[in-house]
Amino acid sequence: MAAASVHDLSVIPSAPFDDLDLDREGDEEEWERRAMALAATRIDAARARLQRLGIIDVNGELVSTDLPADMLADSDTTLETG
């Protein structure tokens, strides 16, 4: 397994709202802005991780649609765990 990059070890972003009064329209809009910024950050991080792992390309397309060897019909692996 590859060593984790500095990006992987960064603090998970958050969108606190304890300083907001969600009954006020302006504060509700600020909360929505924070939540959307948080979502965008997490999506970007997930996309970058999938690219580093070679699962998707720079366009977000799957690199391969082939099943892994252990999932093929002629595989010796089993679904039984016990």
N, C-alpha and C. Protein backbone atom coordinates (compact mmCIF):
# COMPACT_ATOMS: atom_id res chain seq x y z
N MET A 1 0.85 -1.18 0.00
CA MET A 1 0.00 0.00 0.00
C MET A 1 0.89 1.23 0.00
N ALA A 2 0.55 2.21 -0.81
CA ALA A 2 1.34 3.43 -0.93
C ALA A 2 1.20 4.28 0.33
N ALA A 3 2.27 5.01 0.63
CA ALA A 3 2.23 5.90 1.79
C ALA A 3 1.22 7.01 1.54
N ALA A 4 0.55 7.46 2.58
CA ALA A 4 -0.43 8.53 2.47
C ALA A 4 0.27 9.84 2.15
N SER A 5 -0.32 10.62 1.28
CA SER A 5 0.24 11.93 0.98
C SER A 5 -0.17 12.93 2.05
N VAL A 6 0.49 14.07 2.05
CA VAL A 6 0.15 15.13 3.00
C VAL A 6 -1.30 15.53 2.83
N HIS A 7 -1.79 15.52 1.58
CA HIS A 7 -3.18 15.90 1.31
C HIS A 7 -4.15 14.95 2.01
N ASP A 8 -3.83 13.65 2.01
CA ASP A 8 -4.70 12.66 2.65
C ASP A 8 -4.77 12.85 4.16
N LEU A 9 -3.71 13.40 4.75
CA LEU A 9 -3.63 13.53 6.19
C LEU A 9 -4.16 14.87 6.69
N SER A 10 -4.61 15.72 5.78
CA SER A 10 -5.09 17.03 6.19
C SER A 10 -6.38 16.90 7.00
N VAL A 11 -6.67 17.94 7.76
CA VAL A 11 -7.87 17.96 8.58
C VAL A 11 -9.10 17.98 7.67
N ILE A 12 -10.10 17.21 8.04
CA ILE A 12 -11.34 17.20 7.28
C ILE A 12 -12.00 18.57 7.44
N PRO A 13 -12.33 19.22 6.33
CA PRO A 13 -12.95 20.55 6.43
C PRO A 13 -14.31 20.46 7.10
N SER A 14 -14.72 21.55 7.69
CA SER A 14 -16.01 21.57 8.36
C SER A 14 -16.76 22.85 8.00
N ALA A 15 -18.02 22.87 8.34
CA ALA A 15 -18.86 24.05 8.08
C ALA A 15 -19.63 24.36 9.36
N PRO A 16 -18.96 24.96 10.35
CA PRO A 16 -19.64 25.25 11.60
C PRO A 16 -20.77 26.26 11.41
N PHE A 17 -21.76 26.18 12.27
CA PHE A 17 -22.87 27.13 12.19
C PHE A 17 -23.26 27.68 13.56
N ASP A 18 -22.41 27.42 14.56
CA ASP A 18 -22.75 27.89 15.90
C ASP A 18 -22.74 29.40 16.04
N ASP A 19 -22.16 30.10 15.07
CA ASP A 19 -22.16 31.56 15.10
C ASP A 19 -23.31 32.15 14.29
N LEU A 20 -24.19 31.29 13.78
CA LEU A 20 -25.29 31.75 12.93
C LEU A 20 -26.64 31.57 13.61
N ASP A 21 -27.58 32.41 13.26
CA ASP A 21 -28.97 32.26 13.67
C ASP A 21 -29.74 31.86 12.41
N LEU A 22 -30.04 30.57 12.28
CA LEU A 22 -30.62 30.06 11.05
C LEU A 22 -32.05 30.53 10.81
N ASP A 23 -32.63 31.25 11.76
CA ASP A 23 -33.94 31.86 11.55
C ASP A 23 -33.82 33.18 10.79
N ARG A 24 -32.62 33.71 10.67
CA ARG A 24 -32.39 34.95 9.90
C ARG A 24 -32.00 34.58 8.48
N GLU A 25 -32.58 35.27 7.50
CA GLU A 25 -32.35 34.95 6.10
C GLU A 25 -30.86 35.05 5.73
N GLY A 26 -30.20 36.09 6.16
CA GLY A 26 -28.78 36.26 5.83
C GLY A 26 -27.92 35.16 6.40
N ASP A 27 -28.21 34.75 7.62
CA ASP A 27 -27.45 33.67 8.23
C ASP A 27 -27.75 32.33 7.58
N GLU A 28 -28.99 32.13 7.17
CA GLU A 28 -29.35 30.90 6.46
C GLU A 28 -28.59 30.83 5.13
N GLU A 29 -28.49 31.95 4.44
CA GLU A 29 -27.74 31.99 3.18
C GLU A 29 -26.25 31.73 3.42
N GLU A 30 -25.72 32.27 4.52
CA GLU A 30 -24.31 32.02 4.86
C GLU A 30 -24.09 30.55 5.17
N TRP A 31 -25.00 29.91 5.87
CA TRP A 31 -24.89 28.48 6.15
C TRP A 31 -24.89 27.68 4.85
N GLU A 32 -25.78 28.04 3.93
CA GLU A 32 -25.83 27.33 2.66
C GLU A 32 -24.52 27.52 1.89
N ARG A 33 -23.96 28.73 1.92
CA ARG A 33 -22.68 28.98 1.25
C ARG A 33 -21.59 28.10 1.86
N ARG A 34 -21.53 28.03 3.19
CA ARG A 34 -20.53 27.22 3.87
C ARG A 34 -20.70 25.73 3.54
N ALA A 35 -21.93 25.27 3.56
CA ALA A 35 -22.20 23.85 3.29
C ALA A 35 -21.81 23.50 1.85
N MET A 36 -22.11 24.38 0.92
CA MET A 36 -21.77 24.12 -0.49
C MET A 36 -20.25 24.16 -0.69
N ALA A 37 -19.56 25.06 0.00
CA ALA A 37 -18.10 25.12 -0.09
C ALA A 37 -17.49 23.84 0.49
N LEU A 38 -18.05 23.37 1.59
CA LEU A 38 -17.59 22.12 2.19
C LEU A 38 -17.80 20.95 1.23
N ALA A 39 -18.97 20.88 0.64
CA ALA A 39 -19.27 19.81 -0.31
C ALA A 39 -18.30 19.85 -1.49
N ALA A 40 -18.03 21.02 -2.02
CA ALA A 40 -17.11 21.15 -3.16
C ALA A 40 -15.71 20.69 -2.77
N THR A 41 -15.27 21.05 -1.57
CA THR A 41 -13.95 20.63 -1.09
C THR A 41 -13.87 19.12 -0.99
N ARG A 42 -14.90 18.51 -0.43
CA ARG A 42 -14.90 17.04 -0.27
C ARG A 42 -14.98 16.33 -1.62
N ILE A 43 -15.76 16.86 -2.53
CA ILE A 43 -15.86 16.27 -3.88
C ILE A 43 -14.52 16.36 -4.59
N ASP A 44 -13.86 17.53 -4.50
CA ASP A 44 -12.55 17.69 -5.13
C ASP A 44 -11.53 16.71 -4.55
N ALA A 45 -11.55 16.53 -3.23
CA ALA A 45 -10.62 15.61 -2.59
C ALA A 45 -10.89 14.17 -3.03
N ALA A 46 -12.15 13.79 -3.10
CA ALA A 46 -12.51 12.43 -3.53
C ALA A 46 -12.10 12.20 -4.98
N ARG A 47 -12.33 13.18 -5.82
CA ARG A 47 -11.96 13.05 -7.23
C ARG A 47 -10.44 12.91 -7.38
N ALA A 48 -9.68 13.73 -6.64
CA ALA A 48 -8.22 13.66 -6.71
C ALA A 48 -7.73 12.29 -6.24
N ARG A 49 -8.34 11.77 -5.19
CA ARG A 49 -7.96 10.44 -4.68
C ARG A 49 -8.23 9.36 -5.72
N LEU A 50 -9.39 9.40 -6.36
CA LEU A 50 -9.71 8.41 -7.39
C LEU A 50 -8.76 8.50 -8.57
N GLN A 51 -8.33 9.72 -8.90
CA GLN A 51 -7.35 9.88 -9.97
C GLN A 51 -6.00 9.31 -9.55
N ARG A 52 -5.55 9.60 -8.33
CA ARG A 52 -4.27 9.06 -7.85
C ARG A 52 -4.27 7.54 -7.84
N LEU A 53 -5.41 6.95 -7.53
CA LEU A 53 -5.53 5.49 -7.49
C LEU A 53 -5.66 4.88 -8.89
N GLY A 54 -5.81 5.72 -9.90
CA GLY A 54 -5.91 5.23 -11.27
C GLY A 54 -7.29 4.68 -11.61
N ILE A 55 -8.30 5.08 -10.85
CA ILE A 55 -9.66 4.59 -11.09
C ILE A 55 -10.37 5.45 -12.13
N ILE A 56 -10.13 6.76 -12.09
CA ILE A 56 -10.71 7.65 -13.08
C ILE A 56 -9.60 8.47 -13.74
N ASP A 57 -9.90 9.00 -14.92
CA ASP A 57 -8.94 9.86 -15.60
C ASP A 57 -9.24 11.33 -15.29
N VAL A 58 -8.53 12.24 -15.94
CA VAL A 58 -8.70 13.67 -15.65
C VAL A 58 -10.08 14.19 -16.02
N ASN A 59 -10.79 13.45 -16.86
CA ASN A 59 -12.15 13.84 -17.24
C ASN A 59 -13.22 13.20 -16.36
N GLY A 60 -12.79 12.42 -15.37
CA GLY A 60 -13.73 11.77 -14.47
C GLY A 60 -14.28 10.47 -15.01
N GLU A 61 -13.72 10.00 -16.10
CA GLU A 61 -14.18 8.74 -16.72
C GLU A 61 -13.42 7.56 -16.12
N LEU A 62 -14.10 6.41 -16.01
CA LEU A 62 -13.45 5.20 -15.52
C LEU A 62 -12.29 4.83 -16.44
N VAL A 63 -11.17 4.47 -15.85
CA VAL A 63 -10.02 4.05 -16.63
C VAL A 63 -10.29 2.67 -17.24
N SER A 64 -10.95 1.80 -16.50
CA SER A 64 -11.25 0.46 -16.97
C SER A 64 -12.64 0.06 -16.50
N THR A 65 -13.34 -0.67 -17.32
CA THR A 65 -14.64 -1.20 -16.92
C THR A 65 -14.57 -2.71 -16.69
N ASP A 66 -13.34 -3.26 -16.76
CA ASP A 66 -13.16 -4.70 -16.52
C ASP A 66 -13.29 -5.00 -15.04
N LEU A 67 -13.86 -6.16 -14.74
CA LEU A 67 -13.94 -6.61 -13.36
C LEU A 67 -12.57 -7.07 -12.88
N PRO A 68 -12.28 -6.91 -11.59
CA PRO A 68 -11.03 -7.46 -11.05
C PRO A 68 -11.04 -8.98 -11.20
N ALA A 69 -9.85 -9.57 -11.24
CA ALA A 69 -9.72 -11.01 -11.46
C ALA A 69 -10.51 -11.84 -10.45
N ASP A 70 -10.58 -11.40 -9.21
CA ASP A 70 -11.28 -12.18 -8.19
C ASP A 70 -12.79 -12.10 -8.31
N MET A 71 -13.29 -11.28 -9.23
CA MET A 71 -14.74 -11.16 -9.42
C MET A 71 -15.21 -11.84 -10.71
N LEU A 72 -14.30 -12.38 -11.48
CA LEU A 72 -14.67 -13.05 -12.72
C LEU A 72 -15.30 -14.41 -12.44
N ALA A 73 -16.12 -14.87 -13.36
CA ALA A 73 -16.87 -16.12 -13.18
C ALA A 73 -15.96 -17.32 -12.94
N ASP A 74 -14.77 -17.35 -13.54
CA ASP A 74 -13.87 -18.49 -13.38
C ASP A 74 -12.90 -18.33 -12.21
N SER A 75 -13.13 -17.37 -11.35
CA SER A 75 -12.26 -17.15 -10.19
C SER A 75 -12.46 -18.24 -9.14
N ASP A 76 -11.38 -18.55 -8.41
CA ASP A 76 -11.44 -19.55 -7.35
C ASP A 76 -11.93 -18.95 -6.03
N THR A 77 -12.16 -17.67 -5.99
CA THR A 77 -12.62 -17.04 -4.74
C THR A 77 -14.06 -17.40 -4.47
N THR A 78 -14.49 -17.20 -3.24
CA THR A 78 -15.83 -17.57 -2.83
C THR A 78 -16.48 -16.43 -2.07
N LEU A 79 -17.79 -16.45 -2.03
CA LEU A 79 -18.54 -15.48 -1.25
C LEU A 79 -18.71 -15.92 0.20
N GLU A 80 -18.45 -17.17 0.46
CA GLU A 80 -18.61 -17.71 1.81
C GLU A 80 -17.50 -17.19 2.71
N THR A 81 -17.89 -16.76 3.90
CA THR A 81 -16.90 -16.21 4.82
C THR A 81 -16.74 -17.06 6.06
N GLY A 82 -17.54 -18.02 6.27
CA GLY A 82 -17.40 -18.76 7.51
C GLY A 82 -17.66 -20.17 7.31
